[in-house]
C-alpha atoms as a PDB file:
ATOM      1  CA  MET A   1     -21.180-150.338-101.871  1.00  0.00           C
ATOM      2  CA  THR A   2     -18.686-147.750-104.423  1.00  0.00           C
ATOM      3  CA  ILE A   3     -20.791-144.635-105.258  1.00  0.00           C
ATOM      4  CA  SER A   4     -18.494-143.034-107.916  1.00  0.00           C
ATOM      5  CA  LYS A   5     -20.468-140.977-111.328  1.00  0.00           C
ATOM      6  CA  SER A   6     -20.070-142.649-114.852  1.00  0.00           C
ATOM      7  CA  SER A   7     -17.248-141.839-117.212  1.00  0.00           C
ATOM      8  CA  ARG A   8     -19.332-142.311-119.489  1.00  0.00           C
ATOM      9  CA  TYR A   9     -22.269-139.401-118.312  1.00  0.00           C
ATOM     10  CA  ALA A  10     -21.070-136.427-115.469  1.00  0.00           C
ATOM     11  CA  ASN A  11     -25.560-136.622-114.642  1.00  0.00           C
ATOM     12  CA  ILE A  12     -25.521-140.347-113.986  1.00  0.00           C
ATOM     13  CA  ALA A  13     -24.113-142.427-110.450  1.00  0.00           C
ATOM     14  CA  LEU A  14     -23.132-145.444-110.308  1.00  0.00           C
ATOM     15  CA  VAL A  15     -22.779-147.857-106.924  1.00  0.00           C
ATOM     16  CA  ARG A  16     -21.318-150.944-107.739  1.00  0.00           C
ATOM     17  CA  SER A  17     -21.469-153.586-104.646  1.00  0.00           C
ATOM     18  CA  LYS A  18     -21.673-157.196-103.624  1.00  0.00           C
ATOM     19  CA  GLU A  19     -24.095-157.085-100.921  1.00  0.00           C
ATOM     20  CA  PRO A  20     -27.460-155.610-101.283  1.00  0.00           C
ATOM     21  CA  VAL A  21     -27.886-152.194 -99.766  1.00  0.00           C
ATOM     22  CA  ILE A  22     -30.861-151.306-100.406  1.00  0.00           C
ATOM     23  CA  THR A  23     -32.479-153.543 -97.723  1.00  0.00           C
ATOM     24  CA  ASP A  24     -36.305-150.896 -97.219  1.00  0.00           C
ATOM     25  CA  VAL A  25     -37.683-146.949 -97.867  1.00  0.00           C
ATOM     26  CA  GLN A  26     -35.166-145.813 -95.472  1.00  0.00           C
ATOM     27  CA  SER A  27     -31.628-147.458 -96.802  1.00  0.00           C
ATOM     28  CA  ALA A  28     -32.906-146.150-100.570  1.00  0.00           C
ATOM     29  CA  LEU A  29     -33.798-142.945 -99.473  1.00  0.00           C
ATOM     30  CA  ASP A  30     -30.624-143.288 -97.712  1.00  0.00           C
ATOM     31  CA  LEU A  31     -29.198-143.782-100.416  1.00  0.00           C
ATOM     32  CA  MET A  32     -30.888-140.956-102.450  1.00  0.00           C
ATOM     33  CA  ALA A  33     -28.737-138.332-100.242  1.00  0.00           C
ATOM     34  CA  THR A  34     -25.686-139.964 -99.998  1.00  0.00           C
ATOM     35  CA  VAL A  35     -25.297-140.847-104.219  1.00  0.00           C
ATOM     36  CA  ARG A  36     -26.834-136.490-104.948  1.00  0.00           C
ATOM     37  CA  TYR A  37     -24.273-135.743-102.209  1.00  0.00           C
ATOM     38  CA  GLU A  38     -22.009-136.899-102.797  1.00  0.00           C
ATOM     39  CA  THR A  39     -21.605-136.914-106.322  1.00  0.00           C
ATOM     40  CA  ASP A  40     -24.549-134.681-107.367  1.00  0.00           C
ATOM     41  CA  CYS A  41     -27.094-136.622-110.109  1.00  0.00           C
ATOM     42  CA  GLU A  42     -29.968-137.880-110.007  1.00  0.00           C
ATOM     43  CA  ALA A  43     -29.490-140.692-111.951  1.00  0.00           C
ATOM     44  CA  VAL A  44     -27.927-143.411-110.459  1.00  0.00           C
ATOM     45  CA  VAL A  45     -27.573-147.052-111.965  1.00  0.00           C
ATOM     46  CA  LEU A  46     -27.535-149.921-109.405  1.00  0.00           C
ATOM     47  CA  GLU A  47     -25.805-153.541-109.471  1.00  0.00           C
ATOM     48  CA  LYS A  48     -28.573-155.771-109.526  1.00  0.00           C
ATOM     49  CA  SER A  49     -26.252-156.675-106.297  1.00  0.00           C
ATOM     50  CA  ALA A  50     -27.513-153.523-104.632  1.00  0.00           C
ATOM     51  CA  LEU A  51     -31.192-155.056-104.389  1.00  0.00           C
ATOM     52  CA  PRO A  52     -32.258-157.939-101.650  1.00  0.00           C
ATOM     53  CA  GLU A  53     -33.312-160.576-103.783  1.00  0.00           C
ATOM     54  CA  ALA A  54     -36.580-159.939-101.849  1.00  0.00           C
ATOM     55  CA  PHE A  55     -37.448-157.297-104.725  1.00  0.00           C
ATOM     56  CA  PHE A  56     -37.481-159.463-106.762  1.00  0.00           C
ATOM     57  CA  GLU A  57     -40.171-160.845-105.246  1.00  0.00           C
ATOM     58  CA  LEU A  58     -43.319-159.165-106.126  1.00  0.00           C
ATOM     59  CA  SER A  59     -45.566-159.530-103.099  1.00  0.00           C
ATOM     60  CA  THR A  60     -42.861-158.058-100.468  1.00  0.00           C
ATOM     61  CA  ARG A  61     -44.458-155.256-101.537  1.00  0.00           C
ATOM     62  CA  LEU A  62     -39.914-154.115-101.626  1.00  0.00           C
ATOM     63  CA  ALA A  63     -39.781-153.478-105.367  1.00  0.00           C
ATOM     64  CA  GLY A  64     -43.061-150.871-105.716  1.00  0.00           C
ATOM     65  CA  GLU A  65     -42.082-148.773-101.833  1.00  0.00           C
ATOM     66  CA  ILE A  66     -38.944-148.454-102.830  1.00  0.00           C
ATOM     67  CA  LEU A  67     -39.315-147.318-106.395  1.00  0.00           C
ATOM     68  CA  GLN A  68     -41.820-145.145-105.409  1.00  0.00           C
ATOM     69  CA  LYS A  69     -39.199-143.499-103.436  1.00  0.00           C
ATOM     70  CA  PHE A  70     -37.787-142.475-106.528  1.00  0.00           C
ATOM     71  CA  ALA A  71     -40.033-141.355-108.409  1.00  0.00           C
ATOM     72  CA  GLN A  72     -41.538-139.427-105.848  1.00  0.00           C
ATOM     73  CA  TYR A  73     -38.301-137.831-104.903  1.00  0.00           C
ATOM     74  CA  ARG A  74     -36.931-138.142-109.190  1.00  0.00           C
ATOM     75  CA  PHE A  75     -34.343-140.281-108.782  1.00  0.00           C
ATOM     76  CA  ALA A  76     -34.298-141.933-112.571  1.00  0.00           C
ATOM     77  CA  VAL A  77     -32.466-145.756-111.495  1.00  0.00           C
ATOM     78  CA  ALA A  78     -31.731-148.657-113.691  1.00  0.00           C
ATOM     79  CA  ILE A  79     -30.776-151.759-112.590  1.00  0.00           C
ATOM     80  CA  ALA A  80     -27.852-153.510-114.059  1.00  0.00           C
ATOM     81  CA  GLY A  81     -28.154-157.878-114.219  1.00  0.00           C
ATOM     82  CA  GLU A  82     -29.551-160.790-115.013  1.00  0.00           C
ATOM     83  CA  PHE A  83     -33.682-161.337-115.149  1.00  0.00           C
ATOM     84  CA  SER A  84     -35.204-164.142-117.575  1.00  0.00           C
ATOM     85  CA  SER A  85     -34.064-166.288-114.268  1.00  0.00           C
ATOM     86  CA  TYR A  86     -36.647-165.070-112.722  1.00  0.00           C
ATOM     87  CA  GLU A  87     -39.599-167.523-112.945  1.00  0.00           C
ATOM     88  CA  SER A  88     -42.410-164.951-112.462  1.00  0.00           C
ATOM     89  CA  GLN A  89     -44.999-163.907-114.693  1.00  0.00           C
ATOM     90  CA  ALA A  90     -46.519-161.046-113.208  1.00  0.00           C
ATOM     91  CA  LEU A  91     -41.833-159.902-112.345  1.00  0.00           C
ATOM     92  CA  GLN A  92     -41.674-159.842-116.185  1.00  0.00           C
ATOM     93  CA  ASP A  93     -44.382-158.201-117.207  1.00  0.00           C
ATOM     94  CA  PHE A  94     -43.452-155.487-114.033  1.00  0.00           C
ATOM     95  CA  ILE A  95     -39.917-155.129-115.885  1.00  0.00           C
ATOM     96  CA  ARG A  96     -40.961-154.234-119.462  1.00  0.00           C
ATOM     97  CA  GLU A  97     -43.891-152.134-118.589  1.00  0.00           C
ATOM     98  CA  SER A  98     -40.878-150.179-116.008  1.00  0.00           C
ATOM     99  CA  ASN A  99     -38.800-150.814-119.454  1.00  0.00           C
ATOM    100  CA  ARG A 100     -41.556-148.562-121.424  1.00  0.00           C
ATOM    101  CA  GLY A 101     -40.998-145.588-118.821  1.00  0.00           C
ATOM    102  CA  ARG A 102     -38.925-143.239-118.190  1.00  0.00           C
ATOM    103  CA  HIS A 103     -37.787-143.531-114.982  1.00  0.00           C
ATOM    104  CA  VAL A 104     -36.728-146.739-114.393  1.00  0.00           C
ATOM    105  CA  LYS A 105     -34.716-149.482-116.294  1.00  0.00           C
ATOM    106  CA  PHE A 106     -33.452-153.334-116.103  1.00  0.00           C
ATOM    107  CA  LEU A 107     -30.978-153.889-118.541  1.00  0.00           C
ATOM    108  CA  PRO A 108     -28.633-155.896-118.229  1.00  0.00           C
ATOM    109  CA  ASP A 109     -25.685-153.755-118.265  1.00  0.00           C
ATOM    110  CA  ILE A 110     -24.426-150.976-116.456  1.00  0.00           C
ATOM    111  CA  GLU A 111     -23.620-149.232-120.219  1.00  0.00           C
ATOM    112  CA  ALA A 112     -26.800-149.917-121.267  1.00  0.00           C
ATOM    113  CA  CYS A 113     -27.948-148.800-117.920  1.00  0.00           C
ATOM    114  CA  GLU A 114     -26.137-145.292-118.876  1.00  0.00           C
ATOM    115  CA  ASP A 115     -27.120-144.862-122.270  1.00  0.00           C
ATOM    116  CA  ALA A 116     -30.760-145.539-120.856  1.00  0.00           C
ATOM    117  CA  LEU A 117     -30.766-143.069-118.352  1.00  0.00           C
ATOM    118  CA  ALA A 118     -28.847-140.526-120.315  1.00  0.00           C
ATOM    119  CA  GLY A 119     -31.610-140.765-123.193  1.00  0.00           C
ATOM    120  CA  ARG A 120     -33.957-140.386-121.579  1.00  0.00           C
END
């Protein structure tokens, strides 16, 4: 896992990982603390691969619990990746509703995530 500041926006951190770094609520809290300490940012772009597949199964409640913590600690988050392959209508609705808000985004690439967080 690498954590760095965005080269385009000084107030946005990037978390890149080929494997899940957030697996439960505590690991999400730990990541937020690390991002804040290392970058002084309160907005973060996560690669989809930094989340477990269980995150995208709404029946596990993992997405709701994790994203609630991001909101509670006033951390904006954008998740970069391909989401159209998920067949769950509930998940697609969740993504669409999240993208209408200001603090959680699901977008196709890092640049789109950065732009969305910068314009909140």
